Amino acid sequence: MEAFSLKQAISFHIFINYSLLIIVCINLITLFFTKDFVKINKISFFLTPLLFGFLFIDILSGISVLAITKFKINIKIIFMIIASLIFLLEFLRIKKIRIARQDSNYLTSYIKVARILNIIYLLIILLFLVF
């Protein structure tokens, strides 16, 4: 019974990670192919709550998987915890957008930072889904 619940919890955790992957890919496509800053902001303001929601569900499902395994921590779990902390850098991006709306120079640098962060997120998600 315990093995079945662990398998189900891991499957749910992987499903949430695929959902995060889709959100990050949509964000990257928007950042690289949309030239209109207003559209970028609209899509970003739509995707950001989704990203945070799925991120927190992912963290909670990770904690439940840890609880099922009786908190046995290996190197992969440590890297997943670090990756979750890196994902929380998204809060910094939200703070920067308030400044970026006031000046077009800030807006271009904001888009560069957002692209870099989303590429990092994409690589992290792919790393954990593949391995």
Foldseek 3Di string as FASTA:
>chain_A
DLVVVLVVLVVVLLVLLVVLLVLLVVLLCCLPPPPDLVVNVVSCVVSVVVNVVSLVVNVVSLVVSCVSVVNDDDPLNVLVVVLSVLSVCVVVLVVQVVVCVVDVVSVVVSSVVSNVSSVVNNVSSVVVSVD
